[in-house]
Amino acid sequence: MDPEPDYGEDTYVGSGRLKGRRALVTGGDSGIGRAVALAYAREGADVVVTHLPEEAATRALVRAAVEVLGGLDLIANVAGEQRYVDDLAELDPRQVRDTCEINVFALIWIVQEALPHLPAGAAIVDVLGQDAPLGRPGQPAEMAPAYVFLASTGTSYVSGEVLGATGGTLY
């Protein structure tokens, strides 16, 4: 990739804002998900990382995370799929199904399975992507602090919020 992704390994310093919390991060194998998983861990959370969009596997993963962590306090749904095509006529129907399964359906399956295990004060953080006018994509490490903010107990009164980490785009 150009530029090389910065996941925060050398730059992100935690301060205990998620100490004792138990988190499930989807898409944690790369990109923003990887940076979020690293930031959550450095903030003191115990983290399970995944990238499984299929319903049965996703539901089983939530159950496994609950068992391994002894419950869940945080869910960061970061896994996503996006493919660019020059012409809408080039868009393959299977690609549309795959994108919806990962970006929409998996998010619903995870939350459905996790809801009975989420205590008062739990946080679910979802992501929507958007291009930025800065002339470059945002680095994963630049996005991770927004997830920490939304997952921390200090934002317990923040609900249904759209956090504009848009690189300067006004929406």
Protein backbone atom coordinates (compact mmCIF):
# COMPACT_ATOMS: atom_id res chain seq x y z
CA MET A 1 0.00 0.00 0.00
CA ASP A 2 1.09 3.52 -0.60
CA PRO A 3 1.35 5.03 1.91
CA GLU A 4 2.07 2.16 4.26
CA PRO A 5 -0.68 1.76 6.87
CA ASP A 6 0.09 3.06 10.35
CA TYR A 7 -1.70 0.89 12.90
CA GLY A 8 -0.30 2.73 15.91
CA GLU A 9 2.19 0.08 17.05
CA ASP A 10 4.85 2.75 17.53
CA THR A 11 2.63 5.73 18.32
CA TYR A 12 -0.48 4.78 20.28
CA VAL A 13 -0.04 5.09 24.04
CA GLY A 14 -2.94 3.99 26.21
CA SER A 15 -4.04 5.57 29.47
CA GLY A 16 -6.34 2.91 30.94
CA ARG A 17 -9.62 4.29 29.58
CA LEU A 18 -10.92 0.77 28.84
CA LYS A 19 -9.39 -1.04 31.82
CA GLY A 20 -11.37 -4.15 32.73
CA ARG A 21 -13.59 -3.97 29.64
CA ARG A 22 -14.08 -6.94 27.29
CA ALA A 23 -14.16 -6.20 23.57
CA LEU A 24 -14.97 -7.93 20.29
CA VAL A 25 -13.42 -6.21 17.26
CA THR A 26 -14.39 -7.34 13.75
CA GLY A 27 -12.01 -6.66 10.90
CA GLY A 28 -9.16 -6.66 13.40
CA ASP A 29 -6.79 -8.42 11.07
CA SER A 30 -6.02 -5.27 9.06
CA GLY A 31 -6.78 -1.60 8.49
CA ILE A 32 -8.82 0.39 10.99
CA GLY A 33 -9.90 -2.80 12.78
CA ARG A 34 -6.30 -3.70 13.53
CA ALA A 35 -5.62 -0.21 14.87
CA VAL A 36 -8.80 -0.29 16.98
CA ALA A 37 -7.91 -3.70 18.46
CA LEU A 38 -4.43 -2.43 19.33
CA ALA A 39 -5.80 0.79 20.85
CA TYR A 40 -8.43 -1.06 22.90
CA ALA A 41 -5.75 -3.43 24.24
CA ARG A 42 -3.39 -0.57 25.07
CA GLU A 43 -6.27 1.13 26.88
CA GLY A 44 -6.60 -1.95 29.09
CA ALA A 45 -9.37 -3.95 27.41
CA ASP A 46 -9.24 -7.68 26.84
CA VAL A 47 -9.83 -8.07 23.10
CA VAL A 48 -11.05 -10.82 20.77
CA VAL A 49 -10.28 -10.05 17.12
CA THR A 50 -12.04 -11.53 14.10
CA HIS A 51 -12.88 -11.18 10.44
CA LEU A 52 -15.68 -13.69 9.78
CA PRO A 53 -18.67 -12.45 7.76
CA GLU A 54 -20.66 -15.70 7.50
CA GLU A 55 -23.70 -15.80 9.80
CA ALA A 56 -23.09 -19.14 11.52
CA ALA A 57 -19.41 -18.41 12.10
CA THR A 58 -20.15 -14.87 13.28
CA ARG A 59 -22.75 -16.01 15.79
CA ALA A 60 -20.44 -18.78 17.03
CA LEU A 61 -17.63 -16.25 17.35
CA VAL A 62 -19.73 -14.02 19.62
CA ARG A 63 -20.53 -17.01 21.83
CA ALA A 64 -16.84 -17.97 21.93
CA ALA A 65 -15.81 -14.40 22.80
CA VAL A 66 -18.34 -14.34 25.64
CA GLU A 67 -16.98 -17.63 26.95
CA VAL A 68 -13.30 -16.68 26.65
CA LEU A 69 -13.70 -13.15 28.05
CA GLY A 70 -16.43 -13.97 30.58
CA GLY A 71 -18.81 -11.53 28.89
CA LEU A 72 -18.73 -8.53 26.55
CA ASP A 73 -18.71 -4.80 27.21
CA LEU A 74 -17.64 -3.46 23.81
CA ILE A 75 -18.31 -4.36 20.20
CA ALA A 76 -16.48 -2.57 17.41
CA ASN A 77 -17.94 -3.60 14.05
CA VAL A 78 -15.13 -2.52 11.76
CA ALA A 79 -15.05 -5.33 9.17
CA GLY A 80 -16.03 -4.00 5.78
CA GLU A 81 -15.87 -4.71 2.08
CA GLN A 82 -15.76 -2.14 -0.68
CA ARG A 83 -14.93 -2.63 -4.36
CA TYR A 84 -14.77 0.16 -6.87
CA VAL A 85 -16.05 -0.22 -10.42
CA ASP A 86 -15.91 2.42 -13.14
CA ASP A 87 -19.29 1.48 -14.55
CA LEU A 88 -22.35 0.24 -12.66
CA ALA A 89 -22.86 -2.31 -15.44
CA GLU A 90 -19.57 -3.92 -14.31
CA LEU A 91 -20.92 -4.57 -10.81
CA ASP A 92 -21.28 -8.32 -10.35
CA PRO A 93 -24.36 -9.48 -8.38
CA ARG A 94 -22.19 -11.80 -6.24
CA GLN A 95 -20.02 -8.80 -5.30
CA VAL A 96 -23.14 -6.94 -4.15
CA ARG A 97 -24.25 -9.93 -2.02
CA ASP A 98 -20.77 -10.32 -0.50
CA THR A 99 -20.56 -6.63 0.33
CA CYS A 100 -23.99 -6.61 1.98
CA GLU A 101 -23.20 -9.79 3.92
CA ILE A 102 -20.04 -8.27 5.37
CA ASN A 103 -21.09 -4.63 5.77
CA VAL A 104 -24.72 -5.04 6.87
CA PHE A 105 -25.77 -8.58 7.69
CA ALA A 106 -22.73 -9.52 9.82
CA LEU A 107 -23.21 -6.35 11.86
CA ILE A 108 -26.82 -7.35 12.59
CA TRP A 109 -25.91 -10.98 13.40
CA ILE A 110 -23.18 -9.88 15.82
CA VAL A 111 -25.41 -7.44 17.66
CA GLN A 112 -28.31 -9.92 17.81
CA GLU A 113 -26.09 -12.58 19.33
CA ALA A 114 -24.32 -10.18 21.70
CA LEU A 115 -27.31 -8.25 23.08
CA PRO A 116 -28.19 -10.75 25.83
CA HIS A 117 -24.58 -10.56 27.06
CA LEU A 118 -24.11 -6.77 27.06
CA PRO A 119 -24.48 -5.13 30.48
CA ALA A 120 -25.69 -1.60 31.17
CA GLY A 121 -22.96 0.77 30.01
CA ALA A 122 -21.83 -1.46 27.14
CA ALA A 123 -20.93 0.17 23.83
CA ILE A 124 -21.49 -0.85 20.22
CA VAL A 125 -19.39 1.13 17.75
CA ASP A 126 -20.12 0.82 14.03
CA VAL A 127 -18.31 2.46 11.15
CA LEU A 128 -19.33 4.12 7.90
CA GLY A 129 -16.64 5.10 5.44
CA GLN A 130 -16.34 8.27 3.41
CA ASP A 131 -13.69 9.85 1.21
CA ALA A 132 -11.66 12.69 2.69
CA PRO A 133 -10.48 15.91 0.98
CA LEU A 134 -7.02 15.81 2.55
CA GLY A 135 -5.58 14.25 -0.60
CA ARG A 136 -4.84 10.98 1.19
CA PRO A 137 -6.72 8.26 2.99
CA GLY A 138 -6.91 8.44 6.75
CA GLN A 139 -4.43 6.25 8.54
CA PRO A 140 -5.87 3.49 10.74
CA ALA A 141 -4.03 4.95 13.74
CA GLU A 142 -5.78 8.27 13.09
CA MET A 143 -9.19 6.59 13.38
CA ALA A 144 -8.59 4.35 16.42
CA PRO A 145 -8.87 7.16 19.02
CA ALA A 146 -12.43 7.86 17.85
CA TYR A 147 -13.34 4.25 18.66
CA VAL A 148 -11.68 4.52 22.08
CA PHE A 149 -13.65 7.72 22.75
CA LEU A 150 -16.96 6.07 21.86
CA ALA A 151 -16.16 2.92 23.87
CA SER A 152 -14.99 4.63 27.06
CA THR A 153 -17.17 4.95 30.14
CA GLY A 154 -16.61 8.71 30.03
CA THR A 155 -18.99 8.87 27.08
CA SER A 156 -21.80 6.87 28.68
CA TYR A 157 -24.31 9.64 27.84
CA VAL A 158 -23.27 9.67 24.15
CA SER A 159 -25.74 7.53 22.22
CA GLY A 160 -26.59 7.31 18.52
CA GLU A 161 -23.82 9.80 17.76
CA VAL A 162 -22.20 10.29 14.38
CA LEU A 163 -18.60 11.24 14.99
CA GLY A 164 -17.30 13.13 11.98
CA ALA A 165 -13.80 11.71 11.54
CA THR A 166 -13.95 12.74 7.90
CA GLY A 167 -10.61 14.35 7.16
CA GLY A 168 -12.25 17.73 6.79
CA THR A 169 -15.33 16.81 4.78
CA LEU A 170 -18.47 18.50 6.04
CA TYR A 171 -21.40 16.15 5.78
